[in-house]
Amino acid sequence: MAIYKMVGNKENLEPVPETSFGAAGVLERQDLQRILRDQPEVLEEGLVIISEEFGNWQDSSRRIDLLGLDASGRLVVIELKRGETGAHMDLQAIRYAAMVANMTYQQVVDACQTYLEKRAANGDIVEEDAAENFLREHLGNTEEEKQTVHTEIPRIILASENFSKELTTCIMWLNDSWLRNERLEIKCIRLQPHRNGDEILLETSVVVPLPEASEYQTQIGQREQETREQSSGRSQRIPDGDVFQENIAKSQEKFQPGLLRLYDAASSLKESKLVEFSTYINPKGDYIRLELRMPGKNQFLVSFNNLLHKGGRGGEISFWPGWEDAAPESLVRIGDLIGPATSNSGVRHRRLSRSRTSDYLNDILAVIKDAYREANGLPNNGAGE
């Protein structure tokens, strides 16, 4: 996309010609890397840098240009190229992502502490807990036990003056096949310099994935998953809530009022366009889960479960991994309401038969609504406070 400047008395537009970093005398490490290190928001809003030239592994002289955390606390490998093709960036970044995958929280803290000490001006003292405080502030938490950093599958951002078709084809394939189910992607950001007299202007644009293409691919992935499940003769996922509603009557009578309240609350969220329904059914048909999905996304924060077997279990609210990222302000309050109950798969849950759930059900449902408002970028009412 060309850049134009208005000339005269706003009479017409003149193009600002493109240039190259080489022609403009911009160096890769001394200039480009330094600028993006100090202003990572140029690459992505909410991105912070925790290390530069990171290479904390044995038997390798390789270094990650910049290592960061995104707004959700996920590790981000950032690779930069001054050239016009981005040659070999993809393979190099994937190697780096593999090397830092599953870093422990303490390793992240140590890397950040080393980075802050190196960045400190001569004579400045960096406190021992500087990195802890930096991460806590970035993640918006005030208590140590609430820190959540995701390193299991690092994100990748490639920033270059341009990208070859070979590279972008490779990245789109990786995004569409390997990373789709994790709701992640490798992002390619073009950094195009322009010359305006003595000034150098920098135009940034996301080449891969295009926002509309990313959402479309997510929807395709969800439909493909539903089709596979329905044709397998095993589990099924149906894109509505009718089956869940119909099976409430099959539950024990004492659980039916609670399940109806869950369904009514879910329907209210759907009418407000805060959620979309999908219903998961296990192979035996005795476990039915109403998933409250984010509109247009293959992600749900909460599900309502209608358990038709093992007579004493008539319903359950489950809070799935990932809700801390999507709505940290709202759902962090759930902990006090539902207690520590956690399944073997890491899902936090509460059965309707538990006194804690029945006593606080109105509060729990109010906080769930706040969480989906927050995840949709809307202000919440703090109803769970």
Protein backbone atom coordinates (compact mmCIF):
# COMPACT_ATOMS: atom_id res chain seq x y z
CA MET A 1 0.00 0.00 0.00
CA ALA A 2 1.51 3.32 -1.09
CA ILE A 3 1.89 6.32 1.21
CA TYR A 4 0.89 9.77 -0.05
CA LYS A 5 1.32 13.26 1.35
CA MET A 6 -1.05 16.17 0.85
CA VAL A 7 0.61 19.12 -0.92
CA GLY A 8 -0.39 22.69 -1.53
CA ASN A 9 -3.60 23.75 0.14
CA LYS A 10 -4.77 20.12 0.33
CA GLU A 11 -5.04 20.29 -3.45
CA ASN A 12 -3.58 16.93 -4.39
CA LEU A 13 -1.52 13.97 -3.24
CA GLU A 14 2.06 13.09 -4.00
CA PRO A 15 3.43 9.59 -3.42
CA VAL A 16 6.16 9.14 -0.83
CA PRO A 17 8.59 6.83 -2.63
CA GLU A 18 9.59 3.50 -1.17
CA THR A 19 13.21 2.89 -0.31
CA SER A 20 15.14 0.06 1.33
CA PHE A 21 16.82 -0.18 4.69
CA GLY A 22 20.13 -0.66 2.89
CA ALA A 23 19.70 2.49 0.80
CA ALA A 24 18.60 4.42 3.90
CA GLY A 25 21.62 3.25 5.88
CA VAL A 26 19.51 1.39 8.45
CA LEU A 27 21.44 -1.48 10.04
CA GLU A 28 19.75 -4.68 11.15
CA ARG A 29 20.96 -5.01 14.71
CA GLN A 30 22.25 -1.58 15.64
CA ASP A 31 19.19 0.25 14.29
CA LEU A 32 16.19 -1.95 13.45
CA GLN A 33 16.52 -4.41 16.33
CA ARG A 34 17.24 -1.62 18.83
CA ILE A 35 14.19 0.40 17.75
CA LEU A 36 11.79 -2.56 17.86
CA ARG A 37 13.25 -3.67 21.19
CA ASP A 38 12.43 -0.26 22.67
CA GLN A 39 9.08 0.07 20.87
CA PRO A 40 7.64 -3.47 20.51
CA GLU A 41 4.13 -2.02 20.10
CA VAL A 42 5.16 -1.32 16.49
CA LEU A 43 4.88 -5.08 15.96
CA GLU A 44 1.87 -5.79 18.18
CA GLU A 45 -0.13 -3.99 20.81
CA GLY A 46 0.51 -5.38 24.29
CA LEU A 47 3.85 -6.97 23.36
CA VAL A 48 6.78 -6.58 25.77
CA ILE A 49 10.41 -7.68 25.42
CA ILE A 50 11.95 -9.90 28.09
CA SER A 51 15.27 -10.72 26.43
CA GLU A 52 17.52 -9.71 23.54
CA GLU A 53 19.96 -12.03 21.76
CA PHE A 54 18.65 -14.84 23.94
CA GLY A 55 20.57 -18.12 23.71
CA ASN A 56 20.44 -19.90 27.05
CA TRP A 57 21.17 -23.40 25.78
CA GLN A 58 24.21 -25.59 25.50
CA ASP A 59 26.17 -26.48 22.36
CA SER A 60 24.69 -23.69 20.26
CA SER A 61 25.84 -20.22 19.33
CA ARG A 62 22.41 -19.31 17.94
CA ARG A 63 20.62 -16.31 19.40
CA ILE A 64 16.98 -15.20 19.25
CA ASP A 65 16.84 -11.56 18.14
CA LEU A 66 14.10 -10.66 20.60
CA LEU A 67 12.12 -12.75 23.04
CA GLY A 68 8.83 -11.32 24.25
CA LEU A 69 5.51 -11.92 25.95
CA ASP A 70 2.23 -10.99 24.33
CA ALA A 71 -0.74 -9.46 26.12
CA SER A 72 -2.01 -12.89 27.20
CA GLY A 73 1.36 -13.93 28.66
CA ARG A 74 2.37 -16.26 25.83
CA LEU A 75 6.03 -16.48 24.88
CA VAL A 76 6.86 -14.86 21.51
CA VAL A 77 9.95 -15.53 19.39
CA ILE A 78 10.71 -12.45 17.25
CA GLU A 79 13.05 -12.70 14.27
CA LEU A 80 14.11 -9.69 12.19
CA LYS A 81 15.59 -9.37 8.70
CA ARG A 82 16.69 -6.27 6.87
CA GLY A 83 16.68 -7.96 3.46
CA GLU A 84 13.91 -8.08 0.91
CA THR A 85 12.98 -11.79 0.99
CA GLY A 86 13.14 -12.84 4.64
CA ALA A 87 15.17 -15.83 3.50
CA HIS A 88 15.27 -18.79 5.92
CA MET A 89 13.50 -16.84 8.69
CA ASP A 90 10.77 -19.47 9.01
CA LEU A 91 13.03 -22.45 9.69
CA GLN A 92 15.29 -20.43 11.95
CA ALA A 93 12.38 -19.15 14.05
CA ILE A 94 10.83 -22.63 14.34
CA ARG A 95 14.15 -23.95 15.66
CA TYR A 96 14.25 -21.16 18.22
CA ALA A 97 10.65 -21.75 19.27
CA ALA A 98 11.47 -25.42 19.87
CA MET A 99 14.46 -24.43 21.97
CA VAL A 100 12.45 -22.19 24.30
CA ALA A 101 9.27 -24.28 24.37
CA ASN A 102 8.29 -25.28 27.90
CA MET A 103 10.56 -22.81 29.64
CA THR A 104 9.61 -22.74 33.29
CA TYR A 105 8.22 -19.60 34.87
CA GLN A 106 11.47 -19.21 36.81
CA GLN A 107 13.52 -19.45 33.62
CA VAL A 108 11.40 -16.68 32.12
CA VAL A 109 11.98 -14.58 35.24
CA ASP A 110 15.73 -15.22 35.12
CA ALA A 111 15.97 -14.29 31.42
CA CYS A 112 14.01 -11.10 32.06
CA GLN A 113 16.13 -10.20 35.09
CA THR A 114 19.34 -10.61 33.05
CA TYR A 115 17.84 -8.47 30.28
CA LEU A 116 16.84 -5.68 32.67
CA GLU A 117 20.30 -5.68 34.25
CA LYS A 118 21.99 -5.41 30.84
CA ARG A 119 19.66 -2.57 29.86
CA ALA A 120 20.28 -0.60 33.04
CA ALA A 121 22.28 2.59 32.67
CA ASN A 122 25.75 2.67 34.19
CA GLY A 123 25.51 2.87 37.94
CA ASP A 124 21.79 2.12 38.10
CA ILE A 125 20.83 -0.61 40.53
CA VAL A 126 18.35 -3.25 39.40
CA GLU A 127 16.40 -4.74 42.27
CA GLU A 128 16.48 -8.52 42.68
CA ASP A 129 12.74 -8.73 42.11
CA ALA A 130 12.68 -6.31 39.15
CA ALA A 131 11.75 -9.03 36.66
CA GLU A 132 9.00 -10.41 38.93
CA ASN A 133 7.51 -6.93 39.27
CA PHE A 134 7.83 -6.29 35.53
CA LEU A 135 5.97 -9.51 34.66
CA ARG A 136 3.35 -8.94 37.34
CA GLU A 137 2.65 -5.47 35.98
CA HIS A 138 2.48 -6.74 32.39
CA LEU A 139 0.08 -9.56 33.29
CA GLY A 140 -2.02 -7.24 35.42
CA ASN A 141 -1.66 -9.34 38.57
CA THR A 142 -0.80 -8.30 42.09
CA GLU A 143 -0.34 -11.67 43.77
CA GLU A 144 2.52 -14.04 42.99
CA GLU A 145 0.43 -17.19 42.74
CA LYS A 146 -1.65 -15.70 39.93
CA GLN A 147 1.22 -15.31 37.47
CA THR A 148 0.53 -17.26 34.26
CA VAL A 149 3.12 -17.46 31.49
CA HIS A 150 2.45 -19.80 28.55
CA THR A 151 5.57 -21.33 27.03
CA GLU A 152 4.34 -24.72 25.81
CA ILE A 153 3.77 -23.50 22.23
CA PRO A 154 5.57 -20.18 21.68
CA ARG A 155 4.18 -17.76 19.14
CA ILE A 156 6.41 -16.51 16.30
CA ILE A 157 6.59 -13.03 14.77
CA LEU A 158 8.71 -12.54 11.65
CA ALA A 159 9.45 -8.92 10.75
CA SER A 160 11.18 -8.13 7.46
CA GLU A 161 11.38 -5.61 4.67
CA ASN A 162 9.60 -8.13 2.50
CA PHE A 163 8.83 -11.83 2.25
CA SER A 164 9.29 -14.24 -0.62
CA LYS A 165 6.29 -16.15 -1.94
CA GLU A 166 8.03 -19.36 -0.91
CA LEU A 167 8.20 -18.20 2.70
CA THR A 168 4.63 -16.89 2.93
CA THR A 169 3.31 -20.10 1.36
CA CYS A 170 5.17 -22.12 3.99
CA ILE A 171 3.83 -19.96 6.84
CA MET A 172 0.23 -20.11 5.60
CA TRP A 173 0.48 -23.90 5.39
CA LEU A 174 1.85 -24.12 8.95
CA ASN A 175 -0.89 -21.84 10.24
CA ASP A 176 -3.61 -23.79 8.45
CA SER A 177 -2.44 -27.30 9.31
CA TRP A 178 -0.20 -27.45 12.37
CA LEU A 179 -1.30 -24.48 14.46
CA ARG A 180 -5.02 -24.08 13.72
CA ASN A 181 -6.19 -26.38 16.51
CA GLU A 182 -4.12 -24.43 19.03
CA ARG A 183 -5.68 -21.13 17.85
CA LEU A 184 -2.16 -19.84 17.17
CA GLU A 185 -0.41 -18.51 14.13
CA ILE A 186 2.97 -17.39 12.86
CA LYS A 187 2.70 -13.71 12.02
CA CYS A 188 4.64 -12.03 9.19
CA ILE A 189 4.94 -8.26 9.48
CA ARG A 190 6.30 -6.23 6.58
CA LEU A 191 8.45 -3.23 7.49
CA GLN A 192 8.52 -0.97 4.43
CA PRO A 193 10.67 2.19 4.65
CA HIS A 194 9.78 5.31 2.65
CA ARG A 195 11.94 8.36 1.93
CA ASN A 196 10.40 11.79 2.46
CA GLY A 197 13.25 14.24 1.95
CA ASP A 198 15.57 13.74 4.92
CA GLU A 199 12.94 11.76 6.80
CA ILE A 200 12.58 7.98 6.83
CA LEU A 201 8.98 6.84 7.24
CA LEU A 202 8.19 3.26 8.25
CA GLU A 203 5.02 1.54 7.08
CA THR A 204 4.06 -1.66 8.91
CA SER A 205 1.53 -4.19 7.64
CA VAL A 206 0.56 -7.75 8.58
CA VAL A 207 1.17 -9.92 5.54
CA VAL A 208 0.22 -13.24 7.16
CA PRO A 209 -2.35 -13.87 8.44
CA LEU A 210 -4.78 -11.31 7.06
CA PRO A 211 -7.41 -10.68 9.77
CA GLU A 212 -10.35 -11.72 7.60
CA ALA A 213 -8.50 -14.83 6.40
CA SER A 214 -7.58 -15.78 9.97
CA GLU A 215 -11.19 -15.66 11.13
CA TYR A 216 -12.33 -17.59 8.05
CA GLN A 217 -9.77 -20.34 8.62
CA THR A 218 -10.83 -20.62 12.27
CA GLN A 219 -14.43 -21.17 11.18
CA ILE A 220 -13.35 -23.76 8.60
CA GLY A 221 -11.35 -25.59 11.28
CA GLN A 222 -14.34 -25.72 13.59
CA ARG A 223 -16.62 -27.07 10.86
CA GLU A 224 -14.06 -29.69 9.82
CA GLN A 225 -13.70 -30.84 13.41
CA GLU A 226 -17.47 -31.14 13.81
CA THR A 227 -17.73 -33.12 10.55
CA ARG A 228 -14.96 -35.55 11.59
CA GLU A 229 -16.58 -36.16 14.97
CA GLN A 230 -20.07 -36.73 13.55
CA SER A 231 -18.86 -39.15 10.85
CA SER A 232 -16.61 -41.16 13.17
CA GLY A 233 -19.40 -42.97 15.02
CA ARG A 234 -17.78 -41.92 18.25
CA SER A 235 -18.20 -38.47 19.77
CA GLN A 236 -20.28 -35.73 18.15
CA ARG A 237 -20.32 -31.95 18.24
CA ILE A 238 -23.54 -30.27 17.09
CA PRO A 239 -23.71 -26.51 16.37
CA ASP A 240 -26.74 -25.76 18.57
CA GLY A 241 -28.05 -26.37 22.09
CA ASP A 242 -31.21 -28.34 21.32
CA VAL A 243 -29.85 -31.73 22.40
CA PHE A 244 -28.70 -30.37 25.74
CA GLN A 245 -32.11 -28.80 26.38
CA GLU A 246 -33.98 -31.97 25.38
CA ASN A 247 -31.91 -34.16 27.70
CA ILE A 248 -32.48 -32.08 30.80
CA ALA A 249 -35.75 -34.00 31.24
CA LYS A 250 -33.75 -37.26 31.37
CA SER A 251 -31.76 -36.13 34.38
CA GLN A 252 -32.85 -36.84 37.93
CA GLU A 253 -35.74 -34.61 38.90
CA LYS A 254 -33.79 -32.93 41.70
CA PHE A 255 -31.22 -31.66 39.16
CA GLN A 256 -33.62 -30.40 36.53
CA PRO A 257 -34.27 -26.91 38.04
CA GLY A 258 -30.54 -26.20 38.20
CA LEU A 259 -29.94 -27.42 34.65
CA LEU A 260 -32.82 -25.30 33.38
CA ARG A 261 -31.28 -22.27 35.08
CA LEU A 262 -27.98 -23.00 33.32
CA TYR A 263 -29.70 -23.29 29.96
CA ASP A 264 -31.69 -20.10 30.52
CA ALA A 265 -28.49 -18.23 31.45
CA ALA A 266 -26.73 -19.59 28.35
CA SER A 267 -29.68 -18.61 26.14
CA SER A 268 -29.56 -15.07 27.52
CA LEU A 269 -25.86 -14.84 26.61
CA LYS A 270 -26.65 -16.14 23.13
CA GLU A 271 -29.46 -13.61 22.64
CA SER A 272 -26.99 -10.86 23.60
CA LYS A 273 -24.63 -12.23 20.91
CA LEU A 274 -21.93 -12.87 23.52
CA VAL A 275 -21.76 -16.60 22.79
CA GLU A 276 -22.58 -19.22 20.18
CA PHE A 277 -23.72 -22.75 21.09
CA SER A 278 -22.22 -26.10 20.28
CA THR A 279 -23.15 -29.36 22.00
CA TYR A 280 -20.65 -32.19 22.55
CA ILE A 281 -21.97 -35.74 22.99
CA ASN A 282 -19.73 -38.61 24.07
CA PRO A 283 -19.93 -42.06 22.33
CA LYS A 284 -22.32 -43.55 24.91
CA GLY A 285 -24.62 -40.53 24.83
CA ASP A 286 -24.51 -40.24 28.62
CA TYR A 287 -22.39 -37.11 28.73
CA ILE A 288 -23.70 -33.98 27.02
CA ARG A 289 -21.84 -30.69 27.20
CA LEU A 290 -23.22 -27.31 26.15
CA GLU A 291 -20.22 -25.23 25.03
CA LEU A 292 -20.52 -21.43 25.22
CA ARG A 293 -18.20 -20.49 22.35
CA MET A 294 -16.80 -17.09 21.53
CA PRO A 295 -18.61 -15.73 18.44
CA GLY A 296 -16.77 -16.80 15.29
CA LYS A 297 -14.01 -18.58 17.22
CA ASN A 298 -13.15 -22.18 18.00
CA GLN A 299 -12.88 -21.39 21.70
CA PHE A 300 -15.14 -21.61 24.73
CA LEU A 301 -14.42 -20.37 28.25
CA VAL A 302 -17.23 -22.18 30.05
CA SER A 303 -19.40 -25.24 29.45
CA PHE A 304 -22.53 -26.57 31.16
CA ASN A 305 -22.53 -30.32 31.49
CA ASN A 306 -25.60 -32.57 31.67
CA LEU A 307 -24.32 -35.84 33.12
CA LEU A 308 -26.96 -38.55 32.65
CA HIS A 309 -25.01 -41.41 34.21
CA LYS A 310 -23.82 -42.20 37.74
CA GLY A 311 -27.08 -41.12 39.33
CA GLY A 312 -25.63 -38.68 41.87
CA ARG A 313 -24.24 -36.38 39.18
CA GLY A 314 -26.86 -34.27 37.50
CA GLY A 315 -25.00 -31.27 36.16
CA GLU A 316 -21.79 -29.31 36.29
CA ILE A 317 -20.22 -25.97 35.36
CA SER A 318 -16.71 -26.26 33.90
CA PHE A 319 -14.14 -23.50 33.39
CA TRP A 320 -11.72 -24.49 30.66
CA PRO A 321 -7.96 -23.75 30.31
CA GLY A 322 -7.48 -20.49 28.47
CA TRP A 323 -10.18 -18.48 30.19
CA GLU A 324 -7.49 -16.70 32.21
CA ASP A 325 -6.17 -15.24 28.93
CA ALA A 326 -9.50 -14.20 27.49
CA ALA A 327 -11.09 -12.67 30.60
CA PRO A 328 -8.58 -12.43 33.46
CA GLU A 329 -10.37 -9.64 35.32
CA SER A 330 -13.72 -11.42 35.46
CA LEU A 331 -12.98 -15.09 35.83
CA VAL A 332 -10.20 -14.72 38.35
CA ARG A 333 -13.08 -14.02 40.76
CA ILE A 334 -14.52 -17.47 40.05
CA GLY A 335 -11.90 -19.07 42.29
CA ASP A 336 -13.52 -17.74 45.46
CA LEU A 337 -16.96 -18.85 44.30
CA ILE A 338 -16.32 -22.41 43.13
CA GLY A 339 -13.34 -23.39 45.28
CA PRO A 340 -10.35 -25.51 44.19
CA ALA A 341 -12.16 -28.36 42.42
CA THR A 342 -10.08 -29.39 39.38
CA SER A 343 -10.33 -32.37 37.02
CA ASN A 344 -7.43 -34.55 35.91
CA SER A 345 -7.27 -32.57 32.65
CA GLY A 346 -6.87 -29.26 34.47
CA VAL A 347 -10.48 -28.11 33.99
CA ARG A 348 -11.92 -26.25 36.98
CA HIS A 349 -15.48 -27.30 37.72
CA ARG A 350 -18.33 -27.37 40.20
CA ARG A 351 -21.28 -29.78 40.32
CA LEU A 352 -24.76 -28.43 40.89
CA SER A 353 -25.16 -30.89 43.77
CA ARG A 354 -22.44 -29.16 45.79
CA SER A 355 -23.63 -26.65 48.37
CA ARG A 356 -21.01 -24.10 47.31
CA THR A 357 -22.47 -24.09 43.78
CA SER A 358 -26.09 -23.82 44.86
CA ASP A 359 -25.31 -21.09 47.39
CA TYR A 360 -23.43 -18.94 44.88
CA LEU A 361 -25.05 -19.93 41.58
CA ASN A 362 -26.43 -16.44 40.88
CA ASP A 363 -23.00 -14.91 41.52
CA ILE A 364 -21.28 -17.54 39.36
CA LEU A 365 -23.65 -16.92 36.44
CA ALA A 366 -23.19 -13.15 36.80
CA VAL A 367 -19.40 -13.47 36.64
CA ILE A 368 -19.67 -15.78 33.62
CA LYS A 369 -21.64 -13.06 31.85
CA ASP A 370 -18.99 -10.49 32.81
CA ALA A 371 -16.28 -12.81 31.50
CA TYR A 372 -17.87 -13.13 28.06
CA ARG A 373 -18.45 -9.39 27.90
CA GLU A 374 -14.77 -8.84 28.73
CA ALA A 375 -13.63 -11.46 26.19
CA ASN A 376 -15.75 -9.70 23.55
CA GLY A 377 -14.09 -6.37 24.36
CA LEU A 378 -17.09 -4.94 26.23
CA PRO A 379 -17.09 -3.38 29.71
CA ASN A 380 -18.43 -5.63 32.45
CA ASN A 381 -20.43 -4.75 35.50
CA GLY A 382 -18.19 -6.32 38.12
CA ALA A 383 -21.16 -8.39 39.17
CA GLY A 384 -19.08 -11.06 40.82
CA GLU A 385 -17.37 -8.67 43.19
